[in-house]
């Protein structure tokens, strides 16, 4: 005979946990790894296949957010060669914003000197 049946344990947990979990109000603004991956793949697809094939494979098979964060540099290089550095920086900035609250504090973008006039 089991002393703690799942039903009893779940009901006790529900009593002491304060009810069902609610989503934070800012959940609409949060992105997941798949959202970031899709955005990065969409940007890489604007570059000819022979140039972007390796980067697209790395993006597709990245297993965590930190890996995608570091692939941004390679993606920036691809975009800069094909669209110009200012346009590439603007596109990468949109991707960088998606990483908000997903990275450890040490992995954040630094201000770019290209944005200053």
N, C-alpha and C. Protein backbone atom coordinates (compact mmCIF):
# COMPACT_ATOMS: atom_id res chain seq x y z
N UNK A 1 0.83 -1.18 0.00
CA UNK A 1 0.00 0.00 0.00
C UNK A 1 0.88 1.25 0.00
N UNK A 2 0.55 2.18 -0.85
CA UNK A 2 1.32 3.42 -0.93
C UNK A 2 0.75 4.43 0.05
N UNK A 3 1.64 5.06 0.78
CA UNK A 3 1.17 6.05 1.76
C UNK A 3 0.77 7.35 1.09
N UNK A 4 1.54 7.79 0.12
CA UNK A 4 1.24 9.05 -0.54
C UNK A 4 0.78 8.77 -1.96
N UNK A 5 -0.49 8.83 -2.13
CA UNK A 5 -1.04 8.63 -3.46
C UNK A 5 -0.86 9.93 -4.25
N UNK A 6 -0.73 9.83 -5.56
CA UNK A 6 -0.54 11.05 -6.36
C UNK A 6 -1.67 12.06 -6.16
N UNK A 7 -2.88 11.60 -6.00
CA UNK A 7 -4.00 12.53 -5.84
C UNK A 7 -3.86 13.34 -4.56
N UNK A 8 -3.49 12.68 -3.48
CA UNK A 8 -3.32 13.36 -2.21
C UNK A 8 -2.16 14.34 -2.27
N UNK A 9 -1.05 13.90 -2.86
CA UNK A 9 0.11 14.76 -2.97
C UNK A 9 -0.21 15.99 -3.82
N UNK A 10 -0.88 15.79 -4.95
CA UNK A 10 -1.23 16.91 -5.82
C UNK A 10 -2.19 17.87 -5.14
N UNK A 11 -3.16 17.34 -4.39
CA UNK A 11 -4.12 18.23 -3.74
C UNK A 11 -3.45 19.01 -2.62
N UNK A 12 -2.53 18.36 -1.86
CA UNK A 12 -1.79 19.10 -0.83
C UNK A 12 -0.92 20.18 -1.44
N UNK A 13 -0.29 19.86 -2.54
CA UNK A 13 0.53 20.86 -3.23
C UNK A 13 -0.33 22.03 -3.69
N UNK A 14 -1.50 21.76 -4.21
CA UNK A 14 -2.38 22.82 -4.67
C UNK A 14 -2.83 23.70 -3.52
N UNK A 15 -3.08 23.11 -2.35
CA UNK A 15 -3.51 23.90 -1.19
C UNK A 15 -2.41 24.85 -0.74
N UNK A 16 -1.19 24.34 -0.64
CA UNK A 16 -0.10 25.14 -0.10
C UNK A 16 0.62 26.00 -1.14
N UNK A 17 0.37 25.78 -2.38
CA UNK A 17 1.07 26.57 -3.40
C UNK A 17 0.36 27.87 -3.71
N UNK A 18 -0.85 28.06 -3.28
CA UNK A 18 -1.54 29.32 -3.53
C UNK A 18 -2.38 29.28 -4.78
N UNK A 19 -2.68 28.14 -5.29
CA UNK A 19 -3.55 28.05 -6.46
C UNK A 19 -2.77 27.85 -7.73
N UNK A 20 -3.48 27.87 -8.85
CA UNK A 20 -2.80 27.64 -10.12
C UNK A 20 -1.87 28.79 -10.48
N UNK A 21 -0.81 28.44 -11.18
CA UNK A 21 0.14 29.47 -11.59
C UNK A 21 -0.48 30.38 -12.63
N UNK A 22 -0.16 31.64 -12.54
CA UNK A 22 -0.64 32.61 -13.53
C UNK A 22 0.55 33.11 -14.31
N UNK A 23 0.33 33.43 -15.56
CA UNK A 23 1.40 33.93 -16.40
C UNK A 23 1.66 35.40 -16.08
N UNK A 24 2.91 35.82 -16.11
CA UNK A 24 3.20 37.23 -15.89
C UNK A 24 2.61 38.08 -17.01
N UNK A 25 2.38 39.34 -16.73
CA UNK A 25 1.73 40.21 -17.71
C UNK A 25 2.63 40.50 -18.91
N UNK A 26 3.94 40.35 -18.76
CA UNK A 26 4.85 40.64 -19.85
C UNK A 26 5.14 39.41 -20.71
N UNK A 27 4.40 38.34 -20.56
CA UNK A 27 4.67 37.10 -21.30
C UNK A 27 4.53 37.30 -22.81
N UNK A 28 3.74 38.26 -23.25
CA UNK A 28 3.59 38.52 -24.68
C UNK A 28 4.89 39.01 -25.30
N UNK A 29 5.74 39.66 -24.51
CA UNK A 29 6.98 40.24 -25.02
C UNK A 29 8.14 39.25 -24.97
N UNK A 30 7.97 38.12 -24.31
CA UNK A 30 9.05 37.16 -24.19
C UNK A 30 9.12 36.27 -25.42
N UNK A 31 10.34 35.94 -25.81
CA UNK A 31 10.56 35.06 -26.95
C UNK A 31 11.23 33.78 -26.47
N UNK A 32 11.03 32.73 -27.20
CA UNK A 32 11.68 31.46 -26.90
C UNK A 32 12.78 31.19 -27.90
N UNK A 33 13.48 30.10 -27.69
CA UNK A 33 14.61 29.76 -28.56
C UNK A 33 14.15 29.54 -29.99
N UNK A 34 12.97 28.96 -30.19
CA UNK A 34 12.49 28.71 -31.56
C UNK A 34 12.13 30.01 -32.28
N UNK A 35 11.61 30.99 -31.55
CA UNK A 35 11.31 32.29 -32.16
C UNK A 35 12.60 32.96 -32.64
N UNK A 36 13.62 32.90 -31.80
CA UNK A 36 14.91 33.50 -32.16
C UNK A 36 15.52 32.75 -33.33
N UNK A 37 15.46 31.43 -33.29
CA UNK A 37 16.01 30.62 -34.37
C UNK A 37 15.33 30.96 -35.71
N UNK A 38 14.01 31.07 -35.71
CA UNK A 38 13.28 31.40 -36.95
C UNK A 38 13.68 32.77 -37.48
N UNK A 39 13.84 33.74 -36.59
CA UNK A 39 14.23 35.09 -37.01
C UNK A 39 15.63 35.07 -37.61
N UNK A 40 16.55 34.36 -36.95
CA UNK A 40 17.92 34.30 -37.46
C UNK A 40 17.99 33.55 -38.79
N UNK A 41 17.22 32.48 -38.93
CA UNK A 41 17.19 31.75 -40.21
C UNK A 41 16.59 32.61 -41.31
N UNK A 42 15.60 33.42 -40.98
CA UNK A 42 15.00 34.31 -41.97
C UNK A 42 16.02 35.34 -42.44
N UNK A 43 16.82 35.87 -41.53
CA UNK A 43 17.86 36.83 -41.91
C UNK A 43 18.94 36.15 -42.74
N UNK A 44 19.33 34.94 -42.36
CA UNK A 44 20.36 34.22 -43.11
C UNK A 44 19.88 33.86 -44.51
N UNK A 45 18.59 33.69 -44.68
CA UNK A 45 18.08 33.33 -46.00
C UNK A 45 18.11 34.50 -46.98
N UNK A 46 18.38 35.72 -46.49
CA UNK A 46 18.51 36.86 -47.40
C UNK A 46 19.88 36.90 -48.06
N UNK A 47 20.78 36.02 -47.64
CA UNK A 47 22.13 35.91 -48.18
C UNK A 47 22.14 34.68 -49.11
N UNK A 48 22.87 34.72 -50.21
CA UNK A 48 22.92 33.57 -51.11
C UNK A 48 23.30 32.27 -50.39
N UNK A 49 22.73 31.17 -50.85
CA UNK A 49 22.89 29.88 -50.18
C UNK A 49 24.34 29.44 -50.01
N UNK A 50 25.17 29.65 -51.02
CA UNK A 50 26.55 29.18 -50.91
C UNK A 50 27.33 29.91 -49.82
N UNK A 51 26.93 31.14 -49.51
CA UNK A 51 27.62 31.89 -48.46
C UNK A 51 27.06 31.61 -47.07
N UNK A 52 25.76 31.34 -46.99
CA UNK A 52 25.12 31.25 -45.68
C UNK A 52 24.82 29.82 -45.23
N UNK A 53 25.18 28.83 -46.01
CA UNK A 53 24.84 27.44 -45.69
C UNK A 53 25.37 26.99 -44.34
N UNK A 54 26.63 27.27 -44.06
CA UNK A 54 27.23 26.83 -42.80
C UNK A 54 26.58 27.54 -41.61
N UNK A 55 26.33 28.82 -41.76
CA UNK A 55 25.70 29.58 -40.66
C UNK A 55 24.28 29.09 -40.41
N UNK A 56 23.55 28.81 -41.47
CA UNK A 56 22.18 28.32 -41.30
C UNK A 56 22.16 26.95 -40.61
N UNK A 57 23.13 26.10 -40.91
CA UNK A 57 23.22 24.81 -40.23
C UNK A 57 23.51 25.00 -38.74
N UNK A 58 24.44 25.90 -38.41
CA UNK A 58 24.75 26.15 -37.00
C UNK A 58 23.55 26.73 -36.27
N UNK A 59 22.81 27.61 -36.92
CA UNK A 59 21.60 28.17 -36.29
C UNK A 59 20.57 27.06 -36.09
N UNK A 60 20.37 26.25 -37.10
CA UNK A 60 19.34 25.21 -37.03
C UNK A 60 19.65 24.19 -35.93
N UNK A 61 20.92 23.85 -35.72
CA UNK A 61 21.27 22.81 -34.77
C UNK A 61 21.79 23.33 -33.44
N UNK A 62 21.69 24.63 -33.20
CA UNK A 62 22.09 25.19 -31.90
C UNK A 62 21.15 24.65 -30.82
N UNK A 63 21.73 24.20 -29.72
CA UNK A 63 20.88 23.58 -28.71
C UNK A 63 20.54 24.47 -27.53
N UNK A 64 21.06 25.70 -27.47
CA UNK A 64 20.66 26.59 -26.39
C UNK A 64 20.74 28.05 -26.84
N UNK A 65 20.22 28.91 -26.00
CA UNK A 65 20.14 30.34 -26.32
C UNK A 65 21.53 30.96 -26.40
N UNK A 66 22.44 30.51 -25.53
CA UNK A 66 23.79 31.08 -25.53
C UNK A 66 24.50 30.80 -26.86
N UNK A 67 24.30 29.62 -27.41
CA UNK A 67 24.91 29.30 -28.70
C UNK A 67 24.38 30.21 -29.79
N UNK A 68 23.07 30.43 -29.80
CA UNK A 68 22.49 31.36 -30.78
C UNK A 68 23.04 32.77 -30.58
N UNK A 69 23.25 33.16 -29.34
CA UNK A 69 23.78 34.49 -29.05
C UNK A 69 25.16 34.66 -29.70
N UNK A 70 26.00 33.65 -29.61
CA UNK A 70 27.34 33.75 -30.19
C UNK A 70 27.33 33.63 -31.71
N UNK A 71 26.34 33.01 -32.28
CA UNK A 71 26.24 32.90 -33.74
C UNK A 71 25.85 34.25 -34.36
N UNK A 72 25.32 35.16 -33.55
CA UNK A 72 24.95 36.48 -34.08
C UNK A 72 26.12 37.17 -34.76
N UNK A 73 27.33 36.99 -34.25
CA UNK A 73 28.51 37.62 -34.86
C UNK A 73 28.74 37.14 -36.28
N UNK A 74 28.63 35.85 -36.47
CA UNK A 74 28.78 35.29 -37.81
C UNK A 74 27.67 35.78 -38.73
N UNK A 75 26.45 35.82 -38.20
CA UNK A 75 25.31 36.31 -38.99
C UNK A 75 25.51 37.78 -39.34
N UNK A 76 26.04 38.56 -38.41
CA UNK A 76 26.32 39.98 -38.67
C UNK A 76 27.32 40.11 -39.82
N UNK A 77 28.35 39.28 -39.82
CA UNK A 77 29.34 39.33 -40.90
C UNK A 77 28.73 39.01 -42.25
N UNK A 78 27.88 37.98 -42.29
CA UNK A 78 27.21 37.62 -43.55
C UNK A 78 26.33 38.77 -44.06
N UNK A 79 25.56 39.33 -43.15
CA UNK A 79 24.65 40.41 -43.55
C UNK A 79 25.42 41.65 -43.96
N UNK A 80 26.51 41.95 -43.27
CA UNK A 80 27.31 43.14 -43.59
C UNK A 80 27.93 43.03 -44.98
N UNK A 81 28.41 41.84 -45.35
CA UNK A 81 29.00 41.66 -46.68
C UNK A 81 27.97 41.81 -47.79
N UNK A 82 26.71 41.48 -47.50
CA UNK A 82 25.69 41.51 -48.55
C UNK A 82 24.78 42.73 -48.52
N UNK A 83 24.58 43.32 -47.34
CA UNK A 83 23.64 44.43 -47.22
C UNK A 83 24.28 45.72 -46.73
N UNK A 84 25.54 45.68 -46.33
CA UNK A 84 26.19 46.84 -45.76
C UNK A 84 26.16 46.77 -44.24
N UNK A 85 27.16 47.39 -43.62
CA UNK A 85 27.31 47.25 -42.18
C UNK A 85 26.21 47.93 -41.38
N UNK A 86 25.78 49.11 -41.82
CA UNK A 86 24.73 49.83 -41.08
C UNK A 86 23.40 49.07 -41.12
N UNK A 87 23.05 48.55 -42.28
CA UNK A 87 21.81 47.77 -42.40
C UNK A 87 21.90 46.48 -41.60
N UNK A 88 23.07 45.83 -41.62
CA UNK A 88 23.25 44.59 -40.87
C UNK A 88 23.15 44.84 -39.37
N UNK A 89 23.72 45.94 -38.91
CA UNK A 89 23.64 46.28 -37.49
C UNK A 89 22.20 46.49 -37.05
N UNK A 90 21.42 47.14 -37.88
CA UNK A 90 20.01 47.36 -37.57
C UNK A 90 19.25 46.03 -37.50
N UNK A 91 19.52 45.13 -38.43
CA UNK A 91 18.85 43.82 -38.43
C UNK A 91 19.26 42.98 -37.23
N UNK A 92 20.54 42.99 -36.90
CA UNK A 92 21.03 42.21 -35.76
C UNK A 92 20.50 42.78 -34.45
N UNK A 93 20.32 44.09 -34.39
CA UNK A 93 19.77 44.70 -33.18
C UNK A 93 18.36 44.19 -32.90
N UNK A 94 17.58 43.97 -33.94
CA UNK A 94 16.23 43.40 -33.76
C UNK A 94 16.30 41.99 -33.18
N UNK A 95 17.28 41.22 -33.62
CA UNK A 95 17.46 39.87 -33.08
C UNK A 95 17.96 39.95 -31.64
N UNK A 96 18.88 40.86 -31.37
CA UNK A 96 19.44 40.98 -30.02
C UNK A 96 18.37 41.31 -28.99
N UNK A 97 17.38 42.08 -29.38
CA UNK A 97 16.30 42.44 -28.47
C UNK A 97 15.49 41.21 -28.06
N UNK A 98 15.48 40.19 -28.89
CA UNK A 98 14.72 38.98 -28.59
C UNK A 98 15.37 38.17 -27.46
N UNK A 99 16.65 38.41 -27.19
CA UNK A 99 17.37 37.67 -26.16
C UNK A 99 17.16 38.24 -24.77
N UNK A 100 16.40 39.32 -24.66
CA UNK A 100 16.17 39.98 -23.38
C UNK A 100 15.65 38.99 -22.35
N UNK A 101 16.25 38.96 -21.18
CA UNK A 101 15.88 38.10 -20.05
C UNK A 101 16.11 36.61 -20.30
N UNK A 102 16.79 36.24 -21.37
CA UNK A 102 17.09 34.83 -21.62
C UNK A 102 18.55 34.48 -21.37
N UNK A 103 19.39 35.51 -21.25
CA UNK A 103 20.82 35.29 -21.12
C UNK A 103 21.31 35.60 -19.71
N UNK A 104 22.41 34.99 -19.31
CA UNK A 104 23.02 35.37 -18.03
C UNK A 104 23.47 36.83 -18.09
N UNK A 105 23.61 37.49 -16.94
CA UNK A 105 23.96 38.92 -16.94
C UNK A 105 25.24 39.28 -17.68
N UNK A 106 26.22 38.38 -17.74
CA UNK A 106 27.48 38.68 -18.42
C UNK A 106 27.38 38.69 -19.94
N UNK A 107 26.32 38.14 -20.50
CA UNK A 107 26.17 38.09 -21.96
C UNK A 107 25.14 39.13 -22.40
N UNK A 108 25.58 40.33 -22.54
CA UNK A 108 24.71 41.41 -22.99
C UNK A 108 25.44 42.18 -24.09
N UNK A 109 24.70 42.83 -24.95
CA UNK A 109 25.30 43.64 -26.00
C UNK A 109 25.91 44.89 -25.42
N UNK A 110 27.01 45.27 -25.98
CA UNK A 110 27.62 46.55 -25.62
C UNK A 110 27.20 47.57 -26.64
N UNK A 111 27.15 48.84 -26.27
CA UNK A 111 26.78 49.86 -27.25
C UNK A 111 27.79 49.89 -28.41
N UNK A 112 27.29 50.09 -29.60
CA UNK A 112 28.14 50.12 -30.77
C UNK A 112 28.54 51.55 -31.11
N UNK A 113 29.80 51.79 -31.50
CA UNK A 113 30.20 53.13 -31.91
C UNK A 113 29.56 53.55 -33.23
N UNK A 114 29.00 52.60 -33.98
CA UNK A 114 28.38 52.96 -35.25
C UNK A 114 27.09 53.74 -35.06
N UNK A 115 26.45 53.60 -33.91
CA UNK A 115 25.19 54.29 -33.66
C UNK A 115 25.37 55.73 -33.26
N UNK A 116 26.59 56.13 -32.93
CA UNK A 116 26.85 57.51 -32.48
C UNK A 116 27.12 58.41 -33.68
N UNK A 117 26.67 59.63 -33.56
CA UNK A 117 26.93 60.63 -34.62
C UNK A 117 27.89 61.68 -34.14
